[in-house]
Amino acid sequence: MAIVDLADLPRGAPLFGLDLGTRTIGVAASDVSWMIASPIETLTKGKFTDDAAALFRLMGGRGAQSLVIGLPVNMDGTEGPRCQSSRAFGRNLLRIKDIPIAFWDERLSSAAVNRMMIDEMDLTRGRRAQLVDKLAAAYILQGALDRLRP
Protein backbone atom coordinates (compact mmCIF):
# COMPACT_ATOMS: atom_id res chain seq x y z
CA MET A 1 0.00 0.00 0.00
CA ALA A 2 1.28 3.44 0.85
CA ILE A 3 0.34 6.62 2.63
CA VAL A 4 -3.46 6.74 2.37
CA ASP A 5 -6.36 8.86 3.55
CA LEU A 6 -7.85 7.76 6.84
CA ALA A 7 -11.08 6.66 5.15
CA ASP A 8 -9.12 4.40 2.79
CA LEU A 9 -7.59 2.19 5.47
CA PRO A 10 -8.69 -1.42 4.92
CA ARG A 11 -11.14 -2.79 7.49
CA GLY A 12 -11.31 -6.24 9.01
CA ALA A 13 -8.28 -6.18 11.30
CA PRO A 14 -7.18 -4.15 14.31
CA LEU A 15 -5.65 -0.76 13.59
CA PHE A 16 -2.48 0.45 15.31
CA GLY A 17 -1.83 4.04 16.40
CA LEU A 18 1.52 5.66 17.10
CA ASP A 19 2.59 8.71 19.08
CA LEU A 20 6.14 9.43 17.95
CA GLY A 21 8.23 11.25 20.50
CA THR A 22 11.88 12.18 20.39
CA ARG A 23 12.88 9.31 22.67
CA THR A 24 9.86 7.00 22.69
CA ILE A 25 7.07 5.61 20.54
CA GLY A 26 3.67 5.25 22.16
CA VAL A 27 1.72 2.34 20.69
CA ALA A 28 -2.03 1.69 20.81
CA ALA A 29 -4.34 -0.77 19.09
CA SER A 30 -8.02 -0.89 18.23
CA ASP A 31 -10.38 -3.80 18.38
CA VAL A 32 -11.35 -5.47 15.08
CA SER A 33 -14.55 -3.40 14.83
CA TRP A 34 -12.57 -0.12 15.20
CA MET A 35 -14.66 1.09 18.13
CA ILE A 36 -12.16 1.29 21.00
CA ALA A 37 -8.47 2.23 21.12
CA SER A 38 -6.36 0.76 23.91
CA PRO A 39 -2.83 1.66 24.98
CA ILE A 40 -0.40 -1.20 24.34
CA GLU A 41 3.20 -0.27 24.99
CA THR A 42 5.83 2.45 25.00
CA LEU A 43 8.89 1.60 22.95
CA THR A 44 12.20 3.31 23.66
CA LYS A 45 13.62 4.61 20.41
CA GLY A 46 16.86 3.11 19.20
CA LYS A 47 17.99 2.20 15.71
CA PHE A 48 15.15 2.64 13.23
CA THR A 49 15.34 -0.96 11.99
CA ASP A 50 15.06 -2.25 15.59
CA ASP A 51 12.12 0.09 16.29
CA ALA A 52 10.37 -1.04 13.10
CA ALA A 53 10.95 -4.71 13.92
CA ALA A 54 9.50 -4.25 17.42
CA LEU A 55 6.49 -2.41 16.00
CA PHE A 56 5.84 -5.05 13.33
CA ARG A 57 6.14 -7.81 15.98
CA LEU A 58 3.48 -6.06 18.08
CA MET A 59 1.26 -5.60 15.03
CA GLY A 60 1.68 -9.25 14.02
CA GLY A 61 0.80 -10.42 17.51
CA ARG A 62 -2.55 -8.63 17.26
CA GLY A 63 -3.20 -9.24 13.57
CA ALA A 64 -3.02 -5.50 12.76
CA GLN A 65 -2.40 -4.57 9.14
CA SER A 66 -2.59 -0.76 9.13
CA LEU A 67 -1.20 2.21 11.04
CA VAL A 68 -2.34 5.66 12.07
CA ILE A 69 0.59 7.91 12.93
CA GLY A 70 0.01 11.05 14.96
CA LEU A 71 1.02 14.19 13.12
CA PRO A 72 2.11 17.00 15.50
CA VAL A 73 0.70 19.91 13.52
CA ASN A 74 1.41 23.41 14.88
CA MET A 75 -1.50 25.28 16.44
CA ASP A 76 -1.72 27.51 13.34
CA GLY A 77 -2.11 24.44 11.10
CA THR A 78 1.41 24.51 9.67
CA GLU A 79 3.75 21.55 9.67
CA GLY A 80 7.14 21.95 11.31
CA PRO A 81 10.15 19.69 11.79
CA ARG A 82 8.28 17.24 14.05
CA CYS A 83 5.67 16.67 11.32
CA GLN A 84 8.43 16.11 8.79
CA SER A 85 9.99 13.58 11.16
CA SER A 86 6.67 11.73 11.57
CA ARG A 87 6.12 11.64 7.81
CA ALA A 88 9.68 10.37 7.30
CA PHE A 89 9.08 7.64 9.89
CA GLY A 90 6.02 6.49 7.92
CA ARG A 91 7.91 6.52 4.60
CA ASN A 92 10.78 4.57 6.16
CA LEU A 93 8.36 1.95 7.50
CA LEU A 94 7.02 1.53 3.96
CA ARG A 95 10.52 0.70 2.75
CA ILE A 96 10.50 -2.28 5.11
CA LYS A 97 6.89 -3.43 4.84
CA ASP A 98 4.17 -2.41 2.41
CA ILE A 99 1.28 -1.49 4.71
CA PRO A 100 -1.41 1.21 4.62
CA ILE A 101 -0.44 4.21 6.76
CA ALA A 102 -2.57 7.26 7.50
CA PHE A 103 -1.71 10.38 9.48
CA TRP A 104 -3.93 12.01 12.10
CA ASP A 105 -3.64 15.53 13.49
CA GLU A 106 -2.55 15.02 17.08
CA ARG A 107 -2.53 18.64 18.25
CA LEU A 108 -2.64 18.77 22.05
CA SER A 109 -2.95 14.99 22.49
CA SER A 110 -0.16 14.78 25.07
CA ALA A 111 -1.50 17.85 26.88
CA ALA A 112 -5.00 16.33 27.00
CA VAL A 113 -3.67 13.02 28.28
CA ASN A 114 -1.51 14.71 30.92
CA ARG A 115 -4.48 16.77 32.09
CA MET A 116 -6.59 13.60 32.36
CA MET A 117 -3.87 11.81 34.34
CA ILE A 118 -3.63 14.74 36.76
CA ASP A 119 -7.31 15.66 37.13
CA GLU A 120 -9.05 12.30 36.81
CA MET A 121 -6.46 9.70 37.70
CA ASP A 122 -4.42 11.67 40.26
CA LEU A 123 -1.17 10.03 39.14
CA THR A 124 2.28 11.03 40.32
CA ARG A 125 4.65 12.77 37.93
CA GLY A 126 6.75 9.59 37.61
CA ARG A 127 3.75 7.40 36.83
CA ARG A 128 2.49 9.96 34.28
CA ALA A 129 5.89 9.87 32.54
CA GLN A 130 5.61 6.07 32.24
CA LEU A 131 2.12 6.20 30.74
CA VAL A 132 1.85 9.39 28.68
CA ASP A 133 3.17 8.07 25.36
CA LYS A 134 1.01 4.98 25.07
CA LEU A 135 -2.03 6.86 26.39
CA ALA A 136 -1.38 9.63 23.84
CA ALA A 137 -1.22 6.94 21.12
CA ALA A 138 -4.61 5.64 22.28
CA TYR A 139 -5.99 9.21 22.31
CA ILE A 140 -4.73 9.76 18.75
CA LEU A 141 -6.09 6.43 17.54
CA GLN A 142 -9.46 6.98 19.26
CA GLY A 143 -9.79 10.35 17.52
CA ALA A 144 -9.19 8.68 14.17
CA LEU A 145 -11.65 5.88 14.98
CA ASP A 146 -14.30 8.41 16.02
CA ARG A 147 -13.82 10.25 12.71
CA LEU A 148 -14.28 6.98 10.79
CA ARG A 149 -17.51 6.09 12.60
CA PRO A 150 -20.59 6.68 10.40
C-alpha atoms as a PDB file:
ATOM      1  CA  MET A   1       0.000   0.000   0.000  1.00  0.00           C
ATOM      2  CA  ALA A   2       1.279   3.438   0.851  1.00  0.00           C
ATOM      3  CA  ILE A   3       0.340   6.616   2.630  1.00  0.00           C
ATOM      4  CA  VAL A   4      -3.465   6.738   2.371  1.00  0.00           C
ATOM      5  CA  ASP A   5      -6.362   8.863   3.552  1.00  0.00           C
ATOM      6  CA  LEU A   6      -7.849   7.757   6.839  1.00  0.00           C
ATOM      7  CA  ALA A   7     -11.085   6.661   5.145  1.00  0.00           C
ATOM      8  CA  ASP A   8      -9.116   4.397   2.786  1.00  0.00           C
ATOM      9  CA  LEU A   9      -7.591   2.191   5.474  1.00  0.00           C
ATOM     10  CA  PRO A  10      -8.689  -1.422   4.921  1.00  0.00           C
ATOM     11  CA  ARG A  11     -11.137  -2.795   7.486  1.00  0.00           C
ATOM     12  CA  GLY A  12     -11.315  -6.243   9.009  1.00  0.00           C
ATOM     13  CA  ALA A  13      -8.284  -6.176  11.296  1.00  0.00           C
ATOM     14  CA  PRO A  14      -7.182  -4.149  14.308  1.00  0.00           C
ATOM     15  CA  LEU A  15      -5.651  -0.760  13.593  1.00  0.00           C
ATOM     16  CA  PHE A  16      -2.485   0.447  15.313  1.00  0.00           C
ATOM     17  CA  GLY A  17      -1.833   4.038  16.397  1.00  0.00           C
ATOM     18  CA  LEU A  18       1.518   5.663  17.099  1.00  0.00           C
ATOM     19  CA  ASP A  19       2.591   8.705  19.084  1.00  0.00           C
ATOM     20  CA  LEU A  20       6.135   9.428  17.945  1.00  0.00           C
ATOM     21  CA  GLY A  21       8.227  11.246  20.499  1.00  0.00           C
ATOM     22  CA  THR A  22      11.878  12.183  20.388  1.00  0.00           C
ATOM     23  CA  ARG A  23      12.882   9.309  22.673  1.00  0.00           C
ATOM     24  CA  THR A  24       9.860   6.997  22.689  1.00  0.00           C
ATOM     25  CA  ILE A  25       7.073   5.606  20.541  1.00  0.00           C
ATOM     26  CA  GLY A  26       3.670   5.245  22.163  1.00  0.00           C
ATOM     27  CA  VAL A  27       1.716   2.336  20.692  1.00  0.00           C
ATOM     28  CA  ALA A  28      -2.033   1.692  20.809  1.00  0.00           C
ATOM     29  CA  ALA A  29      -4.345  -0.773  19.091  1.00  0.00           C
ATOM     30  CA  SER A  30      -8.016  -0.886  18.227  1.00  0.00           C
ATOM     31  CA  ASP A  31     -10.381  -3.797  18.382  1.00  0.00           C
ATOM     32  CA  VAL A  32     -11.355  -5.472  15.085  1.00  0.00           C
ATOM     33  CA  SER A  33     -14.549  -3.400  14.827  1.00  0.00           C
ATOM     34  CA  TRP A  34     -12.575  -0.122  15.203  1.00  0.00           C
ATOM     35  CA  MET A  35     -14.662   1.094  18.131  1.00  0.00           C
ATOM     36  CA  ILE A  36     -12.159   1.293  20.996  1.00  0.00           C
ATOM     37  CA  ALA A  37      -8.470   2.231  21.124  1.00  0.00           C
ATOM     38  CA  SER A  38      -6.365   0.763  23.911  1.00  0.00           C
ATOM     39  CA  PRO A  39      -2.828   1.660  24.982  1.00  0.00           C
ATOM     40  CA  ILE A  40      -0.401  -1.197  24.336  1.00  0.00           C
ATOM     41  CA  GLU A  41       3.196  -0.266  24.991  1.00  0.00           C
ATOM     42  CA  THR A  42       5.825   2.451  25.004  1.00  0.00           C
ATOM     43  CA  LEU A  43       8.888   1.598  22.952  1.00  0.00           C
ATOM     44  CA  THR A  44      12.198   3.313  23.663  1.00  0.00           C
ATOM     45  CA  LYS A  45      13.624   4.613  20.408  1.00  0.00           C
ATOM     46  CA  GLY A  46      16.862   3.113  19.198  1.00  0.00           C
ATOM     47  CA  LYS A  47      17.990   2.204  15.707  1.00  0.00           C
ATOM     48  CA  PHE A  48      15.149   2.640  13.231  1.00  0.00           C
ATOM     49  CA  THR A  49      15.335  -0.964  11.994  1.00  0.00           C
ATOM     50  CA  ASP A  50      15.059  -2.246  15.589  1.00  0.00           C
ATOM     51  CA  ASP A  51      12.123   0.094  16.288  1.00  0.00           C
ATOM     52  CA  ALA A  52      10.367  -1.036  13.102  1.00  0.00           C
ATOM     53  CA  ALA A  53      10.954  -4.714  13.919  1.00  0.00           C
ATOM     54  CA  ALA A  54       9.499  -4.249  17.416  1.00  0.00           C
ATOM     55  CA  LEU A  55       6.493  -2.411  15.995  1.00  0.00           C
ATOM     56  CA  PHE A  56       5.845  -5.046  13.331  1.00  0.00           C
ATOM     57  CA  ARG A  57       6.141  -7.806  15.979  1.00  0.00           C
ATOM     58  CA  LEU A  58       3.479  -6.060  18.079  1.00  0.00           C
ATOM     59  CA  MET A  59       1.256  -5.604  15.026  1.00  0.00           C
ATOM     60  CA  GLY A  60       1.682  -9.254  14.016  1.00  0.00           C
ATOM     61  CA  GLY A  61       0.802 -10.421  17.510  1.00  0.00           C
ATOM     62  CA  ARG A  62      -2.546  -8.631  17.261  1.00  0.00           C
ATOM     63  CA  GLY A  63      -3.203  -9.236  13.575  1.00  0.00           C
ATOM     64  CA  ALA A  64      -3.021  -5.503  12.763  1.00  0.00           C
ATOM     65  CA  GLN A  65      -2.399  -4.572   9.139  1.00  0.00           C
ATOM     66  CA  SER A  66      -2.591  -0.759   9.135  1.00  0.00           C
ATOM     67  CA  LEU A  67      -1.203   2.211  11.043  1.00  0.00           C
ATOM     68  CA  VAL A  68      -2.339   5.662  12.072  1.00  0.00           C
ATOM     69  CA  ILE A  69       0.593   7.906  12.932  1.00  0.00           C
ATOM     70  CA  GLY A  70       0.014  11.047  14.965  1.00  0.00           C
ATOM     71  CA  LEU A  71       1.024  14.186  13.120  1.00  0.00           C
ATOM     72  CA  PRO A  72       2.110  16.996  15.504  1.00  0.00           C
ATOM     73  CA  VAL A  73       0.698  19.912  13.519  1.00  0.00           C
ATOM     74  CA  ASN A  74       1.406  23.415  14.881  1.00  0.00           C
ATOM     75  CA  MET A  75      -1.500  25.282  16.440  1.00  0.00           C
ATOM     76  CA  ASP A  76      -1.721  27.511  13.338  1.00  0.00           C
ATOM     77  CA  GLY A  77      -2.107  24.436  11.104  1.00  0.00           C
ATOM     78  CA  THR A  78       1.405  24.509   9.666  1.00  0.00           C
ATOM     79  CA  GLU A  79       3.747  21.554   9.670  1.00  0.00           C
ATOM     80  CA  GLY A  80       7.139  21.952  11.309  1.00  0.00           C
ATOM     81  CA  PRO A  81      10.154  19.690  11.793  1.00  0.00           C
ATOM     82  CA  ARG A  82       8.277  17.241  14.055  1.00  0.00           C
ATOM     83  CA  CYS A  83       5.669  16.674  11.317  1.00  0.00           C
ATOM     84  CA  GLN A  84       8.434  16.113   8.792  1.00  0.00           C
ATOM     85  CA  SER A  85       9.989  13.580  11.156  1.00  0.00           C
ATOM     86  CA  SER A  86       6.668  11.733  11.570  1.00  0.00           C
ATOM     87  CA  ARG A  87       6.118  11.637   7.813  1.00  0.00           C
ATOM     88  CA  ALA A  88       9.684  10.371   7.299  1.00  0.00           C
ATOM     89  CA  PHE A  89       9.079   7.638   9.894  1.00  0.00           C
ATOM     90  CA  GLY A  90       6.022   6.495   7.921  1.00  0.00           C
ATOM     91  CA  ARG A  91       7.911   6.520   4.602  1.00  0.00           C
ATOM     92  CA  ASN A  92      10.776   4.568   6.158  1.00  0.00           C
ATOM     93  CA  LEU A  93       8.357   1.950   7.497  1.00  0.00           C
ATOM     94  CA  LEU A  94       7.018   1.533   3.960  1.00  0.00           C
ATOM     95  CA  ARG A  95      10.519   0.699   2.746  1.00  0.00           C
ATOM     96  CA  ILE A  96      10.505  -2.277   5.106  1.00  0.00           C
ATOM     97  CA  LYS A  97       6.891  -3.426   4.836  1.00  0.00           C
ATOM     98  CA  ASP A  98       4.173  -2.406   2.411  1.00  0.00           C
ATOM     99  CA  ILE A  99       1.276  -1.486   4.709  1.00  0.00           C
ATOM    100  CA  PRO A 100      -1.411   1.209   4.624  1.00  0.00           C
ATOM    101  CA  ILE A 101      -0.440   4.206   6.756  1.00  0.00           C
ATOM    102  CA  ALA A 102      -2.572   7.258   7.500  1.00  0.00           C
ATOM    103  CA  PHE A 103      -1.709  10.375   9.483  1.00  0.00           C
ATOM    104  CA  TRP A 104      -3.933  12.007  12.096  1.00  0.00           C
ATOM    105  CA  ASP A 105      -3.638  15.527  13.489  1.00  0.00           C
ATOM    106  CA  GLU A 106      -2.554  15.025  17.079  1.00  0.00           C
ATOM    107  CA  ARG A 107      -2.528  18.635  18.254  1.00  0.00           C
ATOM    108  CA  LEU A 108      -2.642  18.773  22.051  1.00  0.00           C
ATOM    109  CA  SER A 109      -2.950  14.995  22.492  1.00  0.00           C
ATOM    110  CA  SER A 110      -0.159  14.783  25.067  1.00  0.00           C
ATOM    111  CA  ALA A 111      -1.499  17.849  26.881  1.00  0.00           C
ATOM    112  CA  ALA A 112      -4.998  16.332  26.996  1.00  0.00           C
ATOM    113  CA  VAL A 113      -3.673  13.016  28.284  1.00  0.00           C
ATOM    114  CA  ASN A 114      -1.507  14.707  30.918  1.00  0.00           C
ATOM    115  CA  ARG A 115      -4.478  16.770  32.087  1.00  0.00           C
ATOM    116  CA  MET A 116      -6.587  13.604  32.355  1.00  0.00           C
ATOM    117  CA  MET A 117      -3.869  11.813  34.338  1.00  0.00           C
ATOM    118  CA  ILE A 118      -3.631  14.742  36.763  1.00  0.00           C
ATOM    119  CA  ASP A 119      -7.312  15.659  37.133  1.00  0.00           C
ATOM    120  CA  GLU A 120      -9.049  12.305  36.807  1.00  0.00           C
ATOM    121  CA  MET A 121      -6.462   9.699  37.697  1.00  0.00           C
ATOM    122  CA  ASP A 122      -4.425  11.665  40.263  1.00  0.00           C
ATOM    123  CA  LEU A 123      -1.173  10.030  39.139  1.00  0.00           C
ATOM    124  CA  THR A 124       2.285  11.028  40.320  1.00  0.00           C
ATOM    125  CA  ARG A 125       4.651  12.765  37.926  1.00  0.00           C
ATOM    126  CA  GLY A 126       6.748   9.593  37.613  1.00  0.00           C
ATOM    127  CA  ARG A 127       3.753   7.400  36.826  1.00  0.00           C
ATOM    128  CA  ARG A 128       2.490   9.957  34.278  1.00  0.00           C
ATOM    129  CA  ALA A 129       5.890   9.867  32.544  1.00  0.00           C
ATOM    130  CA  GLN A 130       5.605   6.073  32.238  1.00  0.00           C
ATOM    131  CA  LEU A 131       2.119   6.201  30.737  1.00  0.00           C
ATOM    132  CA  VAL A 132       1.850   9.395  28.685  1.00  0.00           C
ATOM    133  CA  ASP A 133       3.170   8.074  25.357  1.00  0.00           C
ATOM    134  CA  LYS A 134       1.009   4.976  25.067  1.00  0.00           C
ATOM    135  CA  LEU A 135      -2.031   6.863  26.389  1.00  0.00           C
ATOM    136  CA  ALA A 136      -1.380   9.628  23.836  1.00  0.00           C
ATOM    137  CA  ALA A 137      -1.216   6.939  21.123  1.00  0.00           C
ATOM    138  CA  ALA A 138      -4.607   5.639  22.284  1.00  0.00           C
ATOM    139  CA  TYR A 139      -5.993   9.206  22.314  1.00  0.00           C
ATOM    140  CA  ILE A 140      -4.734   9.762  18.748  1.00  0.00           C
ATOM    141  CA  LEU A 141      -6.094   6.432  17.541  1.00  0.00           C
ATOM    142  CA  GLN A 142      -9.462   6.976  19.256  1.00  0.00           C
ATOM    143  CA  GLY A 143      -9.792  10.347  17.516  1.00  0.00           C
ATOM    144  CA  ALA A 144      -9.186   8.682  14.172  1.00  0.00           C
ATOM    145  CA  LEU A 145     -11.650   5.875  14.984  1.00  0.00           C
ATOM    146  CA  ASP A 146     -14.300   8.410  16.018  1.00  0.00           C
ATOM    147  CA  ARG A 147     -13.817  10.245  12.710  1.00  0.00           C
ATOM    148  CA  LEU A 148     -14.282   6.981  10.787  1.00  0.00           C
ATOM    149  CA  ARG A 149     -17.509   6.088  12.595  1.00  0.00           C
ATOM    150  CA  PRO A 150     -20.593   6.681  10.401  1.00  0.00           C
END
